[in-house]
Amino acid sequence: MNSMTKRQFIQMLGMGAAALGINSALGTAALAATADAPDWAALPEGATPKTGGKLIYGQTYPNWDIGTSDKGQNPYYWIDLLTRSIWNPLVWIDDEFNMRGELASSWAPTDETLTKWDFQLREGVQFHNGQEMTSADVVSSFVAHIERKGSGFVNKWVASIEALGRYAVRFNLTAPYAEFPFVLAEYRLVVFPAAAPDVVGYDGIGTGPYKLVEVDNKRGFKAVRNENYWMAGRPFADEVEGYIVTSQTAINGLRAGQFNAVFNIDPTTAGQFEDAGALVHRARGGDQFLLSLPKNLDMIWNDVRVRKALTLAIDRDAINTIVYQDPGSWVGNDTHMSGLNAEFLPREVAYNIDEAKRLLAEAGYPNGIDLPSIVYCPSFPEEPRIMAIVAESLKKAGINLELKEIACDGFSAYGTAVNAPVGRPRRSLIGPRSPAINMGRMEPEVGVGENGGWAGTKADEYKALYNAAVAEPDAGKRLTMYQELQRVAQDDVPAIMLGGRRNMLAHMPNVKNLRAHSQNWSTRFDEFWIES
C-alpha cells in the first residue's frame, strides 16, 4: 500500500494478519517500497508547470514558539507551521483526510494486536547535505522528538522505535492504536540527519523541496530549490521566501508587489485582496478556538452547571455570520472534533439563553455571574472580533467574561506559567485531525492543559471508552465509540469549543496550484509553479 485512503486503511485493519502479508520468517509485515513519486502528486489535468521564479509569501499566523529560541532553523521554532518547505515527515494527510506516504512508502501493523507498526522508507531520499536518508536518521529523529515532547501523542503511544535494516523502522507502542500512522503527520515530526540527541535537527537540514539559506528567528527565511528532491522534477520554483506580517502589511505588500502570496488572510479582507488582483483560495476548514477552563483551583466553573450555561450562551452562528460571512456552517461541539470529520456529532442544542440562565440560577447565580479572565493571543487576524462577539453574547445570559488579548510572542509560556500542569484560563488553537487524535486531546492524561485538568466520574468514563475505541480494529464500532465520547464530553463540558474557520490563501494569478489546506501545517511546497 504505497498510498492509501482512510477507507482503504480501515479495510486493511480488518483483514487479519494473513491478509496483511505477515512474513512468518521475519516476523514483520512484508512492505512494498518504491522510490517513485506517490500517486497523490499528480498535477491538475492539462497542467504545464513552469520552472523558475520565486514565491515570496506573507504569513499572518506565526508559530506560537517563534522567537522563544535562537534555533529558528529548527521546525519547533520555525517562523510558521508550514515546515514542509524545508522538511518532510513520514506521512501526509491531504485535504480530504486521506493518509498519504511522504518519506514512508508503506506501513502496516505486524499483527492484530496493533501494538507494533512497521514503516518502509523511500529509498534514495537525500538530505540537503547530500547524505542519504536511512532508518538510522528516522530513529535518531524520533528519539529527539520524544525527548523534546514534540507531540503529546508520540510521547503517550511510542514506547520505542527500532531500525529494521537500512530502509524500515518499527514503532513499538505502549498500547493498541488502530489509527497510529495519523500521529506521524504533525509539522514538528520531521526527519533530520542522525546526530547526537542534544544537537539533532538544529542545522536546518531536511529532505524538503527547498534548502534553507537564511533565517531570521522572528521575521522570515529564504530558501533555494533542492535539486536532489526525492520527487522527480519537483519543485518548480527556484526560491521561496516567507515573512511574518500583520494583516494590513500583507495587503499593502501584495499591492506593492513585495508578496505574491499571503497565507491565512483575515476572511473579512478577502475583497481587498481580490481588488488588488489576487485570487483567494478557501480550504474546507481550519483551526478551532478552544477555551480551556482550569479546575485544579477553586474555580467558579468547577460547577458543571456553570460550564453548561457558558457553552449554551455563546452564539456561534453569529461568529460564522459576522466574521466569516458563512452562516449555517458547522460550529464547535465542545470536543476537538471538526465538522470535516465524518464522525462529528453536533450538539442537540447549541445555543439557548433561557436554559443558560436557568442553569446559573440553579447553581446559585440568579442575578448573573462574573467569570475569571481568559487570555488569548490574536494568532489569526480575525480573532479579536470573534472574542468580542463571544463576550457580548455571554452578557445576554448575565455572564461577564473578559477575554484578554496578549502578545503571541511568549503566549505559550504565559499560559502554562501558573498552576502547573493545568496553567491559566486560556484559548488554545485546535487544528482538524483524525478522530482518534481529536478525541484523545480531551483525554485526561494527554489533554491536561486543554481540558483544564478534567477529573471525576465522567472523565474516568471518557478515558476508559477512549482507550477501548482506539484499540478497536473495526471502523464501524470505532465510529459508534467516537460519537459516544462526544456525548460524554458534551454532558460534562470540560472545555468550551467556539468553532472554527476556513483557512484562506490569497495569491497572484501567476502563482499556480498553490492551495490553502484545512490542516494549515500540511501545506505543500512541491506542487506550485510561477508563470512569467
Foldseek 3Di string as FASTA:
>chain_A
DQFWFPVVLLVLLPPFQVVQCADVVVLAGDDDAALADDPVQDEPPPDDFAFADEAEEEEQFFQLQQPVDPLCLFCNHPGHLQQQQFFAWQWFQFQLRTIHGDQFRDKDASGNQQQKMKTFGHFPQAKLVRHTDWPLQLQQLLVLCCVVVVDLVCVQFFPHKDHDPTGMIMTGTPGHFSPVVLRGHGSNNTTFGHDPSVCTRRPNMHRHQWGWDDDDRHWKTKTAGRCSRSHPPWDRYGIYIYTYDHQVCNLVCCLVVVGQKYWQHQLVCQVSLVVSQWDKFWRPFAKWKWWFDADPDPFPCVPLLQLLLLQQLFDLQCCCCVRNVHGPDDWDQLFLAAPSAPLDDHDPHRHDLVSSLVSCVVVPCNQADEGEEAEEECSHNCVVVSVVSSQVSSVSSRYHYHYHYDHSRCPVCQQCVPPPPQGDGYMDIRAHGHLLVRLVCCQQVRVCNRLNNDDDDLSVVLNVLSSVLRSDSNPVVNSVSSNVSSVSCSSRSSIHIGGTHIIMMIGHPQWPPFHQHSYNSSGHSTNIHGDD
